[in-house]
Protein backbone atom coordinates (compact mmCIF):
# COMPACT_ATOMS: atom_id res chain seq x y z
CA MET A 1 -37.03 13.15 33.36
CA GLU A 2 -39.81 11.31 35.14
CA GLY A 3 -39.56 7.87 36.72
CA GLU A 4 -42.43 5.40 36.63
CA HIS A 5 -42.71 1.84 37.91
CA GLY A 6 -44.29 -0.43 35.36
CA ASN A 7 -43.98 -0.85 31.61
CA GLY A 8 -43.82 2.84 30.74
CA GLY A 9 -44.56 3.88 27.18
CA GLY A 10 -44.77 7.65 26.89
CA SER A 11 -42.10 10.01 25.64
CA GLY A 12 -39.74 11.15 28.41
CA VAL A 13 -40.85 8.29 30.72
CA VAL A 14 -38.21 5.84 32.01
CA ASP A 15 -39.10 2.36 33.20
CA THR A 16 -37.31 1.86 36.55
CA THR A 17 -38.74 -1.53 37.38
CA LYS A 18 -35.28 -3.15 37.25
CA ALA A 19 -33.38 -0.21 38.72
CA ASP A 20 -32.26 -2.21 41.79
CA ARG A 21 -31.10 -5.25 39.84
CA GLN A 22 -27.36 -5.88 40.14
CA VAL A 23 -25.48 -6.24 36.83
CA TRP A 24 -21.86 -6.75 35.80
CA LEU A 25 -20.01 -4.43 33.42
CA MET A 26 -17.28 -6.06 31.35
CA LYS A 27 -14.73 -4.58 28.94
CA CYS A 28 -13.92 -7.20 26.32
CA PRO A 29 -11.54 -7.33 23.33
CA LEU A 30 -12.92 -6.25 19.96
CA VAL A 31 -12.56 -9.73 18.46
CA VAL A 32 -14.74 -11.21 21.23
CA SER A 33 -17.40 -8.53 20.84
CA LYS A 34 -17.61 -9.03 17.06
CA SER A 35 -17.75 -12.80 17.45
CA TRP A 36 -20.64 -12.55 19.91
CA GLN A 37 -22.55 -10.12 17.71
CA ALA A 38 -22.12 -12.36 14.65
CA ARG A 39 -23.32 -15.38 16.60
CA ALA A 40 -26.33 -13.50 18.00
CA ALA A 41 -27.31 -12.40 14.48
CA SER A 42 -27.04 -15.94 13.05
CA ASN A 43 -28.91 -17.59 15.95
CA SER A 44 -31.55 -14.93 16.59
CA SER A 45 -34.39 -17.49 16.53
CA ASP A 46 -32.63 -19.98 18.82
CA PRO A 47 -30.12 -18.12 21.04
CA GLN A 48 -27.35 -20.24 22.55
CA PRO A 49 -24.87 -19.40 25.35
CA VAL A 50 -21.69 -17.77 24.02
CA ALA A 51 -19.60 -18.26 27.18
CA LYS A 52 -19.68 -19.31 30.81
CA VAL A 53 -18.14 -17.67 33.87
CA VAL A 54 -16.27 -19.87 36.36
CA LEU A 55 -15.80 -18.58 39.92
CA SER A 56 -12.92 -20.07 41.90
CA VAL A 57 -12.90 -19.58 45.69
CA ASP A 58 -9.99 -20.22 48.04
CA PRO A 59 -11.47 -21.84 51.23
CA LEU A 60 -8.72 -20.29 53.35
CA ARG A 61 -9.19 -16.80 51.88
CA SER A 62 -12.83 -16.04 51.29
CA ASP A 63 -12.03 -12.58 49.88
CA ASP A 64 -9.73 -14.01 47.21
CA LEU A 65 -12.10 -14.63 44.27
CA GLU A 66 -10.91 -15.60 40.79
CA PHE A 67 -13.19 -15.18 37.79
CA THR A 68 -12.56 -17.01 34.50
CA MET A 69 -14.59 -16.91 31.29
CA GLU A 70 -14.61 -19.87 28.92
CA MET A 71 -15.83 -19.29 25.37
CA ALA A 72 -18.16 -21.56 23.43
CA GLU A 73 -16.54 -23.89 20.88
CA ASP A 74 -17.54 -21.90 17.78
CA VAL A 75 -16.38 -18.50 19.10
CA VAL A 76 -13.35 -17.09 17.24
CA GLY A 77 -10.18 -16.48 19.25
CA PRO A 78 -8.74 -17.81 22.51
CA ARG A 79 -11.03 -20.07 24.48
CA SER A 80 -10.16 -18.92 28.01
CA TYR A 81 -9.95 -15.42 29.52
CA SER A 82 -9.19 -14.01 32.94
CA LEU A 83 -11.61 -11.46 34.41
CA ASN A 84 -9.90 -8.80 36.50
CA MET A 85 -12.45 -7.34 38.90
CA PHE A 86 -12.40 -3.67 39.98
CA LYS A 87 -14.06 -2.66 43.23
CA ASP A 88 -13.41 1.08 43.12
CA PHE A 89 -15.26 2.72 40.25
CA VAL A 90 -17.80 5.47 39.63
CA PRO A 91 -21.38 4.31 40.35
CA MET A 92 -23.11 3.48 37.07
CA CYS A 93 -26.44 2.22 35.76
CA VAL A 94 -27.28 0.38 32.54
CA PHE A 95 -30.03 1.73 30.26
CA SER A 96 -31.78 0.20 27.25
CA GLU A 97 -33.82 1.81 24.50
CA ASN A 98 -36.42 0.33 22.17
CA ASN A 99 -36.21 2.34 18.97
CA GLN A 100 -39.53 1.11 17.61
CA ALA A 101 -41.60 1.78 20.71
CA GLY A 102 -39.49 4.66 21.95
CA ARG A 103 -39.19 2.96 25.33
CA LEU A 104 -36.31 3.82 27.69
CA ALA A 105 -35.63 1.58 30.68
CA VAL A 106 -33.13 1.09 33.48
CA GLU A 107 -31.73 -2.45 33.25
CA GLY A 108 -29.82 -2.41 36.55
CA LYS A 109 -27.06 -0.96 38.68
CA VAL A 110 -23.43 -1.96 38.05
CA GLU A 111 -22.18 -4.11 40.93
CA HIS A 112 -18.86 -5.34 39.51
CA LYS A 113 -16.63 -4.09 36.73
CA PHE A 114 -14.30 -6.46 34.86
CA ASP A 115 -11.54 -6.32 32.28
CA MET A 116 -11.00 -9.36 30.07
CA LYS A 117 -7.53 -10.57 29.10
CA PRO A 118 -6.38 -13.90 27.60
CA HIS A 119 -4.80 -16.49 29.85
CA ASN A 120 -1.02 -16.81 29.70
CA GLU A 121 -1.24 -19.95 27.56
CA ASN A 122 -3.33 -18.03 25.00
CA PHE A 123 -1.12 -14.94 24.71
CA GLU A 124 0.71 -16.24 21.63
CA GLU A 125 -2.52 -17.03 19.78
CA TYR A 126 -4.09 -13.70 20.78
CA GLY A 127 -0.95 -11.77 19.75
CA LYS A 128 -0.93 -13.47 16.34
CA MET A 129 -4.59 -12.57 15.86
CA CYS A 130 -3.92 -8.91 16.77
CA ARG A 131 -1.00 -8.74 14.32
CA GLU A 132 -3.15 -10.16 11.52
CA ARG A 133 -5.87 -7.63 12.29
CA THR A 134 -3.31 -4.79 12.19
CA SER A 135 -1.91 -6.03 8.86
CA LYS A 136 -5.39 -6.18 7.33
CA SER A 137 -6.20 -2.65 8.49
CA MET A 138 -3.05 -1.34 6.75
CA ILE A 139 -4.04 -2.78 3.35
CA LYS A 140 -5.70 -0.12 1.20
CA ASN A 141 -8.38 -1.48 -1.09
CA ARG A 142 -8.16 0.23 -4.47
CA GLN A 143 -11.46 1.04 -6.11
CA ILE A 144 -12.31 1.53 -9.78
CA GLN A 145 -15.01 4.08 -10.47
CA VAL A 146 -16.90 4.10 -13.75
CA ILE A 147 -17.79 7.61 -14.96
CA ASP A 148 -21.18 7.71 -16.67
CA ASN A 149 -20.24 10.25 -19.32
CA ASP A 150 -19.81 9.01 -22.89
CA ARG A 151 -18.79 12.49 -24.09
CA GLY A 152 -15.65 12.44 -21.94
CA MET A 153 -16.19 15.88 -20.42
CA HIS A 154 -14.19 14.94 -17.30
CA MET A 155 -11.12 14.20 -19.44
CA ARG A 156 -11.16 17.32 -21.60
CA PRO A 157 -8.98 20.30 -20.63
CA LEU A 158 -10.89 23.40 -19.65
CA PRO A 159 -10.89 26.45 -21.97
CA GLY A 160 -7.59 28.32 -21.67
CA MET A 161 -5.76 25.26 -20.34
CA VAL A 162 -4.61 23.83 -23.70
CA GLY A 163 -1.76 26.31 -24.20
CA LEU A 164 -0.77 26.04 -20.54
CA ILE A 165 -0.52 22.25 -20.76
CA ALA A 166 1.66 22.48 -23.88
CA VAL A 167 3.98 25.01 -22.23
CA ASN A 168 4.32 22.82 -19.13
CA LYS A 169 5.23 19.82 -21.28
CA ASP A 170 7.90 21.85 -23.09
CA LYS A 171 9.34 23.00 -19.77
CA LYS A 172 9.50 19.42 -18.52
CA LYS A 173 11.30 18.33 -21.69
CA ALA A 174 13.75 21.21 -21.41
CA ALA A 175 14.39 20.44 -17.76
CA ALA A 176 14.90 16.77 -18.50
CA VAL A 177 17.85 17.43 -20.84
CA LYS A 178 20.64 19.14 -18.92
CA PRO A 179 24.29 19.32 -20.01
CA SER A 180 25.36 18.06 -16.58
CA ASP A 181 23.19 14.97 -17.04
CA LEU A 182 24.62 14.02 -20.45
CA LYS A 183 27.28 11.32 -20.54
CA ARG A 184 30.64 12.85 -21.42
CA THR A 185 33.34 10.89 -23.24
CA ARG A 186 36.88 11.10 -21.89
CA ARG A 187 39.54 12.54 -24.19
CA ASP A 188 43.06 11.20 -24.48
CA ARG A 189 45.00 12.29 -21.40
CA GLY A 190 47.82 13.97 -23.35
CA GLU A 191 45.33 15.80 -25.58
CA LEU A 192 43.40 17.04 -22.56
CA GLU A 193 46.59 18.30 -20.90
CA ASP A 194 47.41 20.36 -24.01
CA ILE A 195 43.91 21.86 -23.93
CA MET A 196 44.32 22.71 -20.24
CA PHE A 197 47.64 24.50 -20.85
CA LYS A 198 46.05 26.59 -23.60
CA LEU A 199 43.14 27.50 -21.30
CA PHE A 200 45.50 28.62 -18.54
CA GLU A 201 47.40 30.70 -21.13
CA ARG A 202 44.13 32.49 -21.80
CA GLN A 203 43.55 33.24 -18.11
CA PRO A 204 45.45 32.15 -14.97
CA ASN A 205 42.52 31.06 -12.78
CA TRP A 206 39.60 28.75 -13.51
CA THR A 207 36.84 27.14 -11.45
CA LEU A 208 36.03 23.45 -11.90
CA LYS A 209 32.61 24.31 -13.33
CA GLN A 210 34.16 26.60 -15.93
CA LEU A 211 36.68 23.96 -16.98
CA VAL A 212 33.94 21.31 -17.30
CA GLN A 213 32.03 23.64 -19.63
CA GLU A 214 35.14 24.51 -21.67
CA THR A 215 36.47 20.97 -22.07
CA ASP A 216 33.18 19.01 -22.00
CA GLN A 217 34.87 16.39 -19.81
CA PRO A 218 33.63 14.46 -16.73
CA ALA A 219 34.28 16.42 -13.54
CA GLN A 220 36.00 13.50 -11.81
CA PHE A 221 38.41 12.98 -14.73
CA LEU A 222 39.18 16.71 -14.76
CA LYS A 223 39.96 16.66 -11.04
CA GLU A 224 42.56 13.94 -11.60
CA ILE A 225 44.34 16.14 -14.21
CA LEU A 226 43.98 19.28 -12.09
CA ASN A 227 45.52 17.59 -9.03
CA GLU A 228 48.62 16.89 -11.10
CA LEU A 229 48.92 20.20 -12.95
CA CYS A 230 47.37 22.78 -10.66
CA MET A 231 47.04 24.22 -7.17
CA TYR A 232 43.63 24.85 -5.59
CA ASN A 233 43.18 28.26 -3.93
CA LYS A 234 41.34 27.79 -0.65
CA ARG A 235 41.52 31.46 0.38
CA GLY A 236 42.37 34.89 -0.95
CA ALA A 237 41.08 36.82 -3.94
CA ASN A 238 41.10 33.71 -6.16
CA GLN A 239 39.37 31.44 -3.63
CA GLY A 240 37.70 28.40 -5.17
CA THR A 241 39.80 28.45 -8.39
CA TYR A 242 42.65 26.42 -9.85
CA GLU A 243 45.95 27.79 -11.20
CA LEU A 244 48.98 26.08 -12.71
CA LYS A 245 51.76 24.92 -10.43
CA PRO A 246 54.95 27.10 -10.72
CA GLU A 247 56.90 24.46 -12.67
CA TYR A 248 54.13 24.15 -15.26
CA LYS A 249 53.82 27.94 -15.50
CA LYS A 250 57.52 28.18 -16.45
CA ALA A 251 57.15 25.37 -18.98
CA ALA A 252 54.16 27.10 -20.54
CA GLU A 253 56.05 30.42 -20.67
CA ASN A 254 59.07 28.78 -22.30
CA THR A 255 56.83 27.08 -24.86
CA GLY A 256 55.16 30.41 -25.65
CA ALA A 257 58.56 32.15 -26.03
CA ASP A 258 59.74 29.51 -28.49
């Protein structure tokens, strides 16, 4: 890259006329940057100041400098900001480029670097503005797209898909109707106890699932009857099954003998 003092106009030539000019580099909040850009676009023919920098000096401490930026009246957001100055930073230069003329120039060397932050009295207003911006960014704008196709090709199933779609619908219907999902009606308690005794005459051990299928009764209602009539096997060969309590076994045997 070549350097040339003067206007410079050729490709690969950088105008370094202002290379020794001291400039300030400032990191500002997004809302301030957008507000300045909008104002610059609206007042391009008659540019107006967007802010002013106030420097406060302590007479007793000449090294203690305080920078404050005050926004113009029509700038959105807090009106006053503190500028925190950094002295230790990597040396930097500012460049500009004219897209139409293809001109690249050095605008100056960074002397001070600042970070902007709202004054304490503006924190509440700035926080509210940030929360509103976050809320807006989380809202998803739904879009309606019109398909220019009066023959409806995008809505027709592809060849070989018709039978597949019908089968999938049948599977969904079959899966939707399950015996466990149907509402079961409770029987009379005495009638259900008689049915249970007959089942245990057929075989001595039953699981809850088997009894629900045999009696077509709600599982919770069956558990209430089983807790009264049966013992639950927690271990052994018949683990996980119910069997009649000894007193009910004798009653059932006596009934069968009669």
